[in-house]
Amino acid sequence: MGNYFSLQPLIIKRLAGANIQGLGSVLPARDLHLLESGRISDVAVYVLFDNESVPTGEGYRAGNCQTVAQQWLVILATRNHLSPNAGDLDRSGPILWEINKALQGWRPGPGIGPLVKVGSPRASYMEKTTLYPLRYESIIHTEGSDPE
């Protein structure tokens, strides 16, 4: 793999190529300043590294190689047009459905496990923007130094 965060551009490419109706930009974490400053397009998705866990038990730790379960957030950000703090479920629901369809079970590449949907954080309803986070997990295999 060679890059601990190599899943981010793969997820972005997958979503950008899925032709999801109503979805605007698909952006990496470095573009979060657009969301924080209120300068997002009408509907955008942000892909962020969230967390990791190290499974335990026989077979997960083999010398200098280790299995890691990475968790990634795919956050749908929408402008509120109906009323402040209300969200827009009629518009966002189909987009979230298509995002999940594009990612759940998708195998990004060799040595990377399929994305599996796991529990997500709560939606966040703000005055002008609503955030709908989806969390996905994938198994990667890390390499340590060669034993001496």
Protein backbone atom coordinates (compact mmCIF):
# COMPACT_ATOMS: atom_id res chain seq x y z
CA MET A 1 0.00 0.00 0.00
CA GLY A 2 2.76 2.49 0.94
CA ASN A 3 0.45 5.27 2.28
CA TYR A 4 -1.42 4.88 5.55
CA PHE A 5 -4.24 7.07 4.27
CA SER A 6 -4.44 5.69 0.73
CA LEU A 7 -8.14 4.91 1.14
CA GLN A 8 -9.13 8.59 1.08
CA PRO A 9 -8.38 9.27 -2.62
CA LEU A 10 -9.85 5.87 -3.55
CA ILE A 11 -13.14 6.65 -1.77
CA ILE A 12 -13.23 10.12 -3.33
CA LYS A 13 -12.66 8.69 -6.81
CA ARG A 14 -15.34 6.05 -6.26
CA LEU A 15 -17.95 8.60 -5.19
CA ALA A 16 -17.02 11.15 -7.85
CA GLY A 17 -17.39 8.45 -10.51
CA ALA A 18 -20.70 7.12 -9.18
CA ASN A 19 -22.73 9.89 -10.87
CA ILE A 20 -24.96 10.37 -7.85
CA GLN A 21 -27.83 12.65 -8.81
CA GLY A 22 -27.86 15.84 -6.73
CA LEU A 23 -24.35 15.38 -5.34
CA GLY A 24 -21.96 18.27 -5.92
CA SER A 25 -18.31 18.12 -4.89
CA VAL A 26 -16.54 15.17 -3.26
CA LEU A 27 -13.74 16.63 -1.15
CA PRO A 28 -10.84 15.52 1.07
CA ALA A 29 -10.38 16.55 4.69
CA ARG A 30 -8.06 19.41 3.72
CA ASP A 31 -11.09 21.22 2.24
CA LEU A 32 -13.03 21.24 5.52
CA HIS A 33 -12.30 24.97 5.81
CA LEU A 34 -14.92 25.48 3.09
CA LEU A 35 -17.53 23.91 5.34
CA GLU A 36 -16.39 25.77 8.44
CA SER A 37 -16.48 29.10 6.61
CA GLY A 38 -19.91 28.37 5.14
CA ARG A 39 -18.58 28.34 1.57
CA ILE A 40 -19.79 24.89 0.53
CA SER A 41 -21.70 24.17 -2.60
CA ASP A 42 -25.35 23.26 -2.19
CA VAL A 43 -24.52 19.58 -1.56
CA ALA A 44 -21.00 18.28 -0.91
CA VAL A 45 -19.34 15.20 0.56
CA TYR A 46 -16.21 15.22 2.70
CA VAL A 47 -14.09 12.08 3.20
CA LEU A 48 -12.11 11.97 6.45
CA PHE A 49 -10.05 9.45 8.37
CA ASP A 50 -11.91 8.83 11.62
CA ASN A 51 -10.36 6.09 13.74
CA GLU A 52 -8.71 2.73 13.76
CA SER A 53 -8.73 -0.42 15.83
CA VAL A 54 -6.38 -3.36 16.00
CA PRO A 55 -8.21 -6.69 16.08
CA THR A 56 -6.82 -9.14 18.59
CA GLY A 57 -6.58 -12.89 18.51
CA GLU A 58 -4.66 -15.50 16.64
CA GLY A 59 -3.90 -14.65 13.03
CA TYR A 60 -4.05 -10.88 13.40
CA ARG A 61 -0.48 -10.38 14.57
CA ALA A 62 2.16 -12.12 12.54
CA GLY A 63 5.61 -10.75 13.27
CA ASN A 64 6.21 -7.53 11.41
CA CYS A 65 2.77 -7.54 9.68
CA GLN A 66 -0.38 -6.46 11.49
CA THR A 67 -4.06 -6.13 10.62
CA VAL A 68 -5.67 -2.74 11.24
CA ALA A 69 -9.34 -1.82 10.85
CA GLN A 70 -9.49 1.77 9.57
CA GLN A 71 -12.66 3.79 9.89
CA TRP A 72 -13.53 6.55 7.45
CA LEU A 73 -16.26 9.16 7.63
CA VAL A 74 -18.17 10.16 4.54
CA ILE A 75 -20.04 13.31 5.53
CA LEU A 76 -22.85 14.66 3.38
CA ALA A 77 -23.12 18.43 3.92
CA THR A 78 -26.26 20.15 2.63
CA ARG A 79 -27.44 23.73 2.69
CA ASN A 80 -30.73 24.17 4.52
CA HIS A 81 -33.25 25.75 2.16
CA LEU A 82 -36.45 24.84 3.95
CA SER A 83 -35.85 26.35 7.38
CA PRO A 84 -32.92 26.80 9.75
CA ASN A 85 -31.92 23.73 11.79
CA ALA A 86 -34.36 21.49 9.91
CA GLY A 87 -32.28 19.56 7.41
CA ASP A 88 -33.66 18.49 4.08
CA LEU A 89 -34.52 14.79 4.30
CA ASP A 90 -36.31 14.58 0.95
CA ARG A 91 -33.21 15.78 -0.86
CA SER A 92 -30.55 14.14 1.34
CA GLY A 93 -32.13 10.71 1.77
CA PRO A 94 -31.70 9.56 -1.85
CA ILE A 95 -28.12 10.89 -1.96
CA LEU A 96 -27.20 9.02 1.23
CA TRP A 97 -28.79 5.88 -0.23
CA GLU A 98 -26.66 6.14 -3.37
CA ILE A 99 -23.48 6.88 -1.38
CA ASN A 100 -24.08 3.73 0.64
CA LYS A 101 -24.79 1.76 -2.55
CA ALA A 102 -21.48 2.91 -4.02
CA LEU A 103 -19.39 2.11 -0.93
CA GLN A 104 -20.90 -0.74 1.08
CA GLY A 105 -19.12 -3.95 0.14
CA TRP A 106 -16.84 -2.21 -2.36
CA ARG A 107 -13.31 -3.61 -2.43
CA PRO A 108 -10.94 -0.66 -3.11
CA GLY A 109 -7.95 -2.68 -4.26
CA PRO A 110 -5.47 -5.45 -3.54
CA GLY A 111 -4.61 -5.83 0.14
CA ILE A 112 -7.55 -3.69 1.24
CA GLY A 113 -10.67 -5.28 2.67
CA PRO A 114 -14.16 -4.33 1.47
CA LEU A 115 -15.82 -1.31 3.04
CA VAL A 116 -18.37 -2.26 5.68
CA LYS A 117 -20.84 0.23 7.12
CA VAL A 118 -20.53 0.60 10.89
CA GLY A 119 -22.30 2.82 13.42
CA SER A 120 -22.18 6.48 12.45
CA PRO A 121 -22.07 9.65 14.52
CA ARG A 122 -25.26 11.65 14.92
CA ALA A 123 -26.39 14.07 12.25
CA SER A 124 -25.64 17.70 13.01
CA TYR A 125 -28.30 20.32 12.30
CA MET A 126 -26.92 23.84 12.15
CA GLU A 127 -28.52 27.10 11.11
CA LYS A 128 -27.54 26.91 7.43
CA THR A 129 -25.97 23.48 7.00
CA THR A 130 -26.85 19.91 7.93
CA LEU A 131 -24.20 17.20 8.23
CA TYR A 132 -25.09 13.54 7.70
CA PRO A 133 -22.07 11.35 8.56
CA LEU A 134 -21.73 7.75 7.39
CA ARG A 135 -18.91 5.60 8.81
CA TYR A 136 -17.22 2.77 6.91
CA GLU A 137 -14.54 0.36 8.02
CA SER A 138 -11.94 -1.48 5.99
CA ILE A 139 -9.15 -3.86 6.92
CA ILE A 140 -5.61 -3.01 5.87
CA HIS A 141 -2.36 -4.82 6.59
CA THR A 142 0.54 -2.80 7.90
CA GLU A 143 4.20 -3.71 7.72
CA GLY A 144 6.83 -3.09 10.35
CA SER A 145 10.56 -3.29 10.14
CA ASP A 146 12.31 -6.46 9.11
CA PRO A 147 13.39 -8.56 12.07
CA GLU A 148 17.11 -8.49 12.65
